[in-house]
Amino acid sequence: MFFIVNVAGVAIRIPTLHFLEPPVLKFVENTFHTTYITAEFYARNLTLAAAVGVVMLWNFFINRYWTYNDIDNDTDQ
């Protein structure tokens, strides 16, 4: 199950990077009036940060509720 969750995380990350980078690049170029290379650097890093955040949340919640659902959450010890 853990492997399937991670493969799904990669399947989420790749399209996120592909489709989110062009609008972020356009936003950075128009907002900060920088050169294309600088705007591309910031756009790639912002897009990567967003993709990592989405996949990190995906992995955490899916692993918690699907992979490790057999672990008791007993706090009355």
PDB file of N, CA and C in Angstrom:
ATOM      1  N   MET A   1       0.819  -1.197   0.000  1.00  0.00           N
ATOM      2  CA  MET A   1       0.000   0.000   0.000  1.00  0.00           C
ATOM      3  C   MET A   1       0.865   1.265   0.000  1.00  0.00           C
ATOM      4  N   PHE A   2       1.953   1.217   0.760  1.00  0.00           N
ATOM      5  CA  PHE A   2       2.843   2.365   0.865  1.00  0.00           C
ATOM      6  C   PHE A   2       3.411   2.723  -0.508  1.00  0.00           C
ATOM      7  N   PHE A   3       3.794   1.716  -1.282  1.00  0.00           N
ATOM      8  CA  PHE A   3       4.338   1.932  -2.621  1.00  0.00           C
ATOM      9  C   PHE A   3       3.292   2.573  -3.540  1.00  0.00           C
ATOM     10  N   ILE A   4       2.070   2.107  -3.469  1.00  0.00           N
ATOM     11  CA  ILE A   4       0.999   2.649  -4.311  1.00  0.00           C
ATOM     12  C   ILE A   4       0.738   4.119  -3.975  1.00  0.00           C
ATOM     13  N   VAL A   5       0.763   4.441  -2.693  1.00  0.00           N
ATOM     14  CA  VAL A   5       0.558   5.834  -2.275  1.00  0.00           C
ATOM     15  C   VAL A   5       1.670   6.719  -2.829  1.00  0.00           C
ATOM     16  N   ASN A   6       2.906   6.231  -2.791  1.00  0.00           N
ATOM     17  CA  ASN A   6       4.027   7.027  -3.294  1.00  0.00           C
ATOM     18  C   ASN A   6       4.000   7.167  -4.808  1.00  0.00           C
ATOM     19  N   VAL A   7       3.607   6.133  -5.519  1.00  0.00           N
ATOM     20  CA  VAL A   7       3.472   6.234  -6.971  1.00  0.00           C
ATOM     21  C   VAL A   7       2.370   7.234  -7.316  1.00  0.00           C
ATOM     22  N   ALA A   8       1.292   7.217  -6.570  1.00  0.00           N
ATOM     23  CA  ALA A   8       0.222   8.192  -6.789  1.00  0.00           C
ATOM     24  C   ALA A   8       0.723   9.608  -6.498  1.00  0.00           C
ATOM     25  N   GLY A   9       1.591   9.757  -5.512  1.00  0.00           N
ATOM     26  CA  GLY A   9       2.179  11.067  -5.214  1.00  0.00           C
ATOM     27  C   GLY A   9       3.008  11.586  -6.371  1.00  0.00           C
ATOM     28  N   VAL A  10       3.777  10.708  -7.013  1.00  0.00           N
ATOM     29  CA  VAL A  10       4.546  11.099  -8.195  1.00  0.00           C
ATOM     30  C   VAL A  10       3.597  11.447  -9.338  1.00  0.00           C
ATOM     31  N   ALA A  11       2.523  10.685  -9.467  1.00  0.00           N
ATOM     32  CA  ALA A  11       1.533  10.951 -10.516  1.00  0.00           C
ATOM     33  C   ALA A  11       0.809  12.274 -10.281  1.00  0.00           C
ATOM     34  N   ILE A  12       0.760  12.746  -9.061  1.00  0.00           N
ATOM     35  CA  ILE A  12       0.182  14.060  -8.758  1.00  0.00           C
ATOM     36  C   ILE A  12       1.216  15.155  -9.017  1.00  0.00           C
ATOM     37  N   ARG A  13       2.461  14.899  -8.659  1.00  0.00           N
ATOM     38  CA  ARG A  13       3.508  15.912  -8.736  1.00  0.00           C
ATOM     39  C   ARG A  13       3.860  16.298 -10.171  1.00  0.00           C
ATOM     40  N   ILE A  14       3.970  15.330 -11.056  1.00  0.00           N
ATOM     41  CA  ILE A  14       4.397  15.628 -12.423  1.00  0.00           C
ATOM     42  C   ILE A  14       3.413  16.549 -13.144  1.00  0.00           C
ATOM     43  N   PRO A  15       2.102  16.251 -13.163  1.00  0.00           N
ATOM     44  CA  PRO A  15       1.192  17.197 -13.825  1.00  0.00           C
ATOM     45  C   PRO A  15       1.109  18.553 -13.118  1.00  0.00           C
ATOM     46  N   THR A  16       1.259  18.547 -11.799  1.00  0.00           N
ATOM     47  CA  THR A  16       1.242  19.819 -11.071  1.00  0.00           C
ATOM     48  C   THR A  16       2.383  20.709 -11.544  1.00  0.00           C
ATOM     49  N   LEU A  17       3.565  20.133 -11.669  1.00  0.00           N
ATOM     50  CA  LEU A  17       4.705  20.916 -12.152  1.00  0.00           C
ATOM     51  C   LEU A  17       4.492  21.362 -13.596  1.00  0.00           C
ATOM     52  N   HIS A  18       3.959  20.488 -14.406  1.00  0.00           N
ATOM     53  CA  HIS A  18       3.794  20.789 -15.831  1.00  0.00           C
ATOM     54  C   HIS A  18       2.756  21.888 -16.078  1.00  0.00           C
ATOM     55  N   PHE A  19       1.637  21.824 -15.404  1.00  0.00           N
ATOM     56  CA  PHE A  19       0.554  22.770 -15.677  1.00  0.00           C
ATOM     57  C   PHE A  19       0.611  24.041 -14.835  1.00  0.00           C
ATOM     58  N   LEU A  20       1.282  24.016 -13.715  1.00  0.00           N
ATOM     59  CA  LEU A  20       1.308  25.188 -12.836  1.00  0.00           C
ATOM     60  C   LEU A  20       2.443  26.151 -13.165  1.00  0.00           C
ATOM     61  N   GLU A  21       3.530  25.636 -13.748  1.00  0.00           N
ATOM     62  CA  GLU A  21       4.681  26.499 -13.992  1.00  0.00           C
ATOM     63  C   GLU A  21       4.418  27.638 -14.987  1.00  0.00           C
ATOM     64  N   PRO A  22       3.771  27.416 -16.136  1.00  0.00           N
ATOM     65  CA  PRO A  22       3.560  28.553 -17.052  1.00  0.00           C
ATOM     66  C   PRO A  22       2.764  29.721 -16.468  1.00  0.00           C
ATOM     67  N   PRO A  23       1.646  29.481 -15.753  1.00  0.00           N
ATOM     68  CA  PRO A  23       0.963  30.651 -15.174  1.00  0.00           C
ATOM     69  C   PRO A  23       1.779  31.343 -14.082  1.00  0.00           C
ATOM     70  N   VAL A  24       2.531  30.565 -13.311  1.00  0.00           N
ATOM     71  CA  VAL A  24       3.367  31.177 -12.272  1.00  0.00           C
ATOM     72  C   VAL A  24       4.479  31.996 -12.916  1.00  0.00           C
ATOM     73  N   LEU A  25       5.060  31.486 -13.996  1.00  0.00           N
ATOM     74  CA  LEU A  25       6.099  32.225 -14.715  1.00  0.00           C
ATOM     75  C   LEU A  25       5.551  33.541 -15.255  1.00  0.00           C
ATOM     76  N   LYS A  26       4.380  33.507 -15.843  1.00  0.00           N
ATOM     77  CA  LYS A  26       3.759  34.725 -16.370  1.00  0.00           C
ATOM     78  C   LYS A  26       3.476  35.714 -15.237  1.00  0.00           C
ATOM     79  N   PHE A  27       2.993  35.195 -14.104  1.00  0.00           N
ATOM     80  CA  PHE A  27       2.708  36.042 -12.942  1.00  0.00           C
ATOM     81  C   PHE A  27       3.971  36.712 -12.427  1.00  0.00           C
ATOM     82  N   VAL A  28       5.055  35.947 -12.304  1.00  0.00           N
ATOM     83  CA  VAL A  28       6.308  36.500 -11.776  1.00  0.00           C
ATOM     84  C   VAL A  28       6.880  37.534 -12.743  1.00  0.00           C
ATOM     85  N   GLU A  29       6.842  37.239 -14.043  1.00  0.00           N
ATOM     86  CA  GLU A  29       7.353  38.202 -15.033  1.00  0.00           C
ATOM     87  C   GLU A  29       6.573  39.516 -14.991  1.00  0.00           C
ATOM     88  N   ASN A  30       5.252  39.424 -14.932  1.00  0.00           N
ATOM     89  CA  ASN A  30       4.432  40.637 -14.975  1.00  0.00           C
ATOM     90  C   ASN A  30       4.441  41.403 -13.662  1.00  0.00           C
ATOM     91  N   THR A  31       4.525  40.702 -12.554  1.00  0.00           N
ATOM     92  CA  THR A  31       4.451  41.369 -11.256  1.00  0.00           C
ATOM     93  C   THR A  31       5.770  42.021 -10.860  1.00  0.00           C
ATOM     94  N   PHE A  32       6.869  41.313 -11.059  1.00  0.00           N
ATOM     95  CA  PHE A  32       8.155  41.809 -10.565  1.00  0.00           C
ATOM     96  C   PHE A  32       9.026  42.423 -11.654  1.00  0.00           C
ATOM     97  N   HIS A  33       8.598  42.371 -12.909  1.00  0.00           N
ATOM     98  CA  HIS A  33       9.313  42.978 -14.043  1.00  0.00           C
ATOM     99  C   HIS A  33      10.793  42.589 -14.047  1.00  0.00           C
ATOM    100  N   THR A  34      11.038  41.293 -13.992  1.00  0.00           N
ATOM    101  CA  THR A  34      12.404  40.786 -13.992  1.00  0.00           C
ATOM    102  C   THR A  34      12.737  40.201 -15.358  1.00  0.00           C
ATOM    103  N   THR A  35      13.982  39.805 -15.523  1.00  0.00           N
ATOM    104  CA  THR A  35      14.382  39.143 -16.760  1.00  0.00           C
ATOM    105  C   THR A  35      13.752  37.753 -16.800  1.00  0.00           C
ATOM    106  N   TYR A  36      13.757  37.169 -17.989  1.00  0.00           N
ATOM    107  CA  TYR A  36      13.129  35.850 -18.151  1.00  0.00           C
ATOM    108  C   TYR A  36      13.842  34.797 -17.308  1.00  0.00           C
ATOM    109  N   ILE A  37      15.155  34.852 -17.259  1.00  0.00           N
ATOM    110  CA  ILE A  37      15.916  33.832 -16.511  1.00  0.00           C
ATOM    111  C   ILE A  37      15.612  33.928 -15.022  1.00  0.00           C
ATOM    112  N   THR A  38      15.560  35.123 -14.484  1.00  0.00           N
ATOM    113  CA  THR A  38      15.239  35.296 -13.062  1.00  0.00           C
ATOM    114  C   THR A  38      13.812  34.864 -12.775  1.00  0.00           C
ATOM    115  N   ALA A  39      12.890  35.269 -13.642  1.00  0.00           N
ATOM    116  CA  ALA A  39      11.490  34.883 -13.457  1.00  0.00           C
ATOM    117  C   ALA A  39      11.335  33.369 -13.555  1.00  0.00           C
ATOM    118  N   GLU A  40      12.050  32.738 -14.479  1.00  0.00           N
ATOM    119  CA  GLU A  40      11.983  31.284 -14.621  1.00  0.00           C
ATOM    120  C   GLU A  40      12.516  30.584 -13.370  1.00  0.00           C
ATOM    121  N   PHE A  41      13.596  31.112 -12.796  1.00  0.00           N
ATOM    122  CA  PHE A  41      14.161  30.557 -11.565  1.00  0.00           C
ATOM    123  C   PHE A  41      13.135  30.601 -10.428  1.00  0.00           C
ATOM    124  N   TYR A  42      12.515  31.755 -10.230  1.00  0.00           N
ATOM    125  CA  TYR A  42      11.528  31.890  -9.161  1.00  0.00           C
ATOM    126  C   TYR A  42      10.278  31.064  -9.437  1.00  0.00           C
ATOM    127  N   ALA A  43       9.834  31.031 -10.686  1.00  0.00           N
ATOM    128  CA  ALA A  43       8.639  30.273 -11.034  1.00  0.00           C
ATOM    129  C   ALA A  43       8.849  28.779 -10.804  1.00  0.00           C
ATOM    130  N   ARG A  44       9.998  28.269 -11.207  1.00  0.00           N
ATOM    131  CA  ARG A  44      10.268  26.841 -10.996  1.00  0.00           C
ATOM    132  C   ARG A  44      10.320  26.500  -9.514  1.00  0.00           C
ATOM    133  N   ASN A  45      10.937  27.354  -8.731  1.00  0.00           N
ATOM    134  CA  ASN A  45      11.035  27.075  -7.298  1.00  0.00           C
ATOM    135  C   ASN A  45       9.689  27.208  -6.595  1.00  0.00           C
ATOM    136  N   LEU A  46       8.903  28.206  -6.960  1.00  0.00           N
ATOM    137  CA  LEU A  46       7.570  28.347  -6.359  1.00  0.00           C
ATOM    138  C   LEU A  46       6.667  27.187  -6.749  1.00  0.00           C
ATOM    139  N   THR A  47       6.751  26.777  -8.009  1.00  0.00           N
ATOM    140  CA  THR A  47       5.948  25.645  -8.466  1.00  0.00           C
ATOM    141  C   THR A  47       6.364  24.365  -7.763  1.00  0.00           C
ATOM    142  N   LEU A  48       7.658  24.158  -7.617  1.00  0.00           N
ATOM    143  CA  LEU A  48       8.147  22.966  -6.923  1.00  0.00           C
ATOM    144  C   LEU A  48       7.707  22.975  -5.463  1.00  0.00           C
ATOM    145  N   ALA A  49       7.754  24.127  -4.810  1.00  0.00           N
ATOM    146  CA  ALA A  49       7.313  24.216  -3.417  1.00  0.00           C
ATOM    147  C   ALA A  49       5.830  23.881  -3.293  1.00  0.00           C
ATOM    148  N   ALA A  50       5.021  24.372  -4.222  1.00  0.00           N
ATOM    149  CA  ALA A  50       3.592  24.067  -4.190  1.00  0.00           C
ATOM    150  C   ALA A  50       3.347  22.580  -4.423  1.00  0.00           C
ATOM    151  N   ALA A  51       4.042  21.996  -5.382  1.00  0.00           N
ATOM    152  CA  ALA A  51       3.870  20.570  -5.680  1.00  0.00           C
ATOM    153  C   ALA A  51       4.318  19.702  -4.510  1.00  0.00           C
ATOM    154  N   VAL A  52       5.425  20.057  -3.896  1.00  0.00           N
ATOM    155  CA  VAL A  52       5.910  19.301  -2.738  1.00  0.00           C
ATOM    156  C   VAL A  52       4.904  19.397  -1.601  1.00  0.00           C
ATOM    157  N   GLY A  53       4.335  20.572  -1.377  1.00  0.00           N
ATOM    158  CA  GLY A  53       3.335  20.733  -0.320  1.00  0.00           C
ATOM    159  C   GLY A  53       2.092  19.893  -0.564  1.00  0.00           C
ATOM    160  N   VAL A  54       1.604  19.888  -1.797  1.00  0.00           N
ATOM    161  CA  VAL A  54       0.417  19.098  -2.126  1.00  0.00           C
ATOM    162  C   VAL A  54       0.691  17.612  -1.948  1.00  0.00           C
ATOM    163  N   VAL A  55       1.809  17.149  -2.458  1.00  0.00           N
ATOM    164  CA  VAL A  55       2.132  15.718  -2.366  1.00  0.00           C
ATOM    165  C   VAL A  55       2.436  15.314  -0.928  1.00  0.00           C
ATOM    166  N   MET A  56       3.048  16.202  -0.166  1.00  0.00           N
ATOM    167  CA  MET A  56       3.319  15.897   1.233  1.00  0.00           C
ATOM    168  C   MET A  56       2.015  15.704   2.007  1.00  0.00           C
ATOM    169  N   LEU A  57       1.049  16.581   1.786  1.00  0.00           N
ATOM    170  CA  LEU A  57      -0.245  16.424   2.439  1.00  0.00           C
ATOM    171  C   LEU A  57      -0.956  15.170   1.955  1.00  0.00           C
ATOM    172  N   TRP A  58      -0.910  14.897   0.654  1.00  0.00           N
ATOM    173  CA  TRP A  58      -1.493  13.670   0.092  1.00  0.00           C
ATOM    174  C   TRP A  58      -0.900  12.448   0.786  1.00  0.00           C
ATOM    175  N   ASN A  59       0.424  12.357   0.814  1.00  0.00           N
ATOM    176  CA  ASN A  59       1.083  11.188   1.403  1.00  0.00           C
ATOM    177  C   ASN A  59       0.742  11.037   2.882  1.00  0.00           C
ATOM    178  N   PHE A  60       0.742  12.146   3.605  1.00  0.00           N
ATOM    179  CA  PHE A  60       0.459  12.053   5.032  1.00  0.00           C
ATOM    180  C   PHE A  60      -0.939  11.512   5.288  1.00  0.00           C
ATOM    181  N   PHE A  61      -1.944  12.132   4.684  1.00  0.00           N
ATOM    182  CA  PHE A  61      -3.320  11.739   4.986  1.00  0.00           C
ATOM    183  C   PHE A  61      -3.682  10.373   4.427  1.00  0.00           C
ATOM    184  N   ILE A  62      -3.241  10.048   3.240  1.00  0.00           N
ATOM    185  CA  ILE A  62      -3.568   8.745   2.675  1.00  0.00           C
ATOM    186  C   ILE A  62      -2.841   7.637   3.435  1.00  0.00           C
ATOM    187  N   ASN A  63      -1.592   7.852   3.788  1.00  0.00           N
ATOM    188  CA  ASN A  63      -0.890   6.841   4.583  1.00  0.00           C
ATOM    189  C   ASN A  63      -1.532   6.685   5.956  1.00  0.00           C
ATOM    190  N   ARG A  64      -1.961   7.781   6.537  1.00  0.00           N
ATOM    191  CA  ARG A  64      -2.569   7.724   7.872  1.00  0.00           C
ATOM    192  C   ARG A  64      -3.883   6.940   7.857  1.00  0.00           C
ATOM    193  N   TYR A  65      -4.707   7.188   6.840  1.00  0.00           N
ATOM    194  CA  TYR A  65      -6.037   6.590   6.834  1.00  0.00           C
ATOM    195  C   TYR A  65      -6.160   5.311   6.025  1.00  0.00           C
ATOM    196  N   TRP A  66      -5.181   5.010   5.173  1.00  0.00           N
ATOM    197  CA  TRP A  66      -5.282   3.781   4.386  1.00  0.00           C
ATOM    198  C   TRP A  66      -4.167   2.800   4.739  1.00  0.00           C
ATOM    199  N   THR A  67      -2.929   3.246   4.717  1.00  0.00           N
ATOM    200  CA  THR A  67      -1.804   2.347   4.961  1.00  0.00           C
ATOM    201  C   THR A  67      -1.738   1.924   6.419  1.00  0.00           C
ATOM    202  N   TYR A  68      -1.891   2.873   7.328  1.00  0.00           N
ATOM    203  CA  TYR A  68      -1.734   2.591   8.753  1.00  0.00           C
ATOM    204  C   TYR A  68      -3.065   2.634   9.497  1.00  0.00           C
ATOM    205  N   ASN A  69      -4.149   2.240   8.857  1.00  0.00           N
ATOM    206  CA  ASN A  69      -5.458   2.296   9.505  1.00  0.00           C
ATOM    207  C   ASN A  69      -5.644   1.211  10.564  1.00  0.00           C
ATOM    208  N   ASP A  70      -4.749   0.228  10.625  1.00  0.00           N
ATOM    209  CA  ASP A  70      -4.890  -0.844  11.607  1.00  0.00           C
ATOM    210  C   ASP A  70      -4.244  -0.507  12.957  1.00  0.00           C
ATOM    211  N   ILE A  71      -3.609   0.648  13.057  1.00  0.00           N
ATOM    212  CA  ILE A  71      -2.960   1.059  14.312  1.00  0.00           C
ATOM    213  C   ILE A  71      -3.996   1.781  15.169  1.00  0.00           C
ATOM    214  N   ASP A  72      -4.133   1.350  16.408  1.00  0.00           N
ATOM    215  CA  ASP A  72      -5.089   1.982  17.310  1.00  0.00           C
ATOM    216  C   ASP A  72      -4.594   3.356  17.723  1.00  0.00           C
ATOM    217  N   ASN A  73      -5.521   4.272  17.883  1.00  0.00           N
ATOM    218  CA  ASN A  73      -5.221   5.611  18.339  1.00  0.00           C
ATOM    219  C   ASN A  73      -5.652   5.769  19.773  1.00  0.00           C
ATOM    220  N   ASP A  74      -5.190   4.864  20.620  1.00  0.00           N
ATOM    221  CA  ASP A  74      -5.591   4.834  22.033  1.00  0.00           C
ATOM    222  C   ASP A  74      -4.673   5.745  22.843  1.00  0.00           C
ATOM    223  N   THR A  75      -5.232   6.812  23.403  1.00  0.00           N
ATOM    224  CA  THR A  75      -4.450   7.747  24.200  1.00  0.00           C
ATOM    225  C   THR A  75      -4.740   7.603  25.693  1.00  0.00           C
ATOM    226  N   ASP A  76      -5.453   6.535  26.107  1.00  0.00           N
ATOM    227  CA  ASP A  76      -5.815   6.340  27.509  1.00  0.00           C
ATOM    228  C   ASP A  76      -4.806   5.493  28.260  1.00  0.00           C
ATOM    229  N   GLN A  77      -3.571   5.534  27.912  1.00  0.00           N
ATOM    230  CA  GLN A  77      -2.588   4.639  28.518  1.00  0.00           C
ATOM    231  C   GLN A  77      -2.331   4.992  29.909  1.00  0.00           C
TER     232      GLN A  77
END
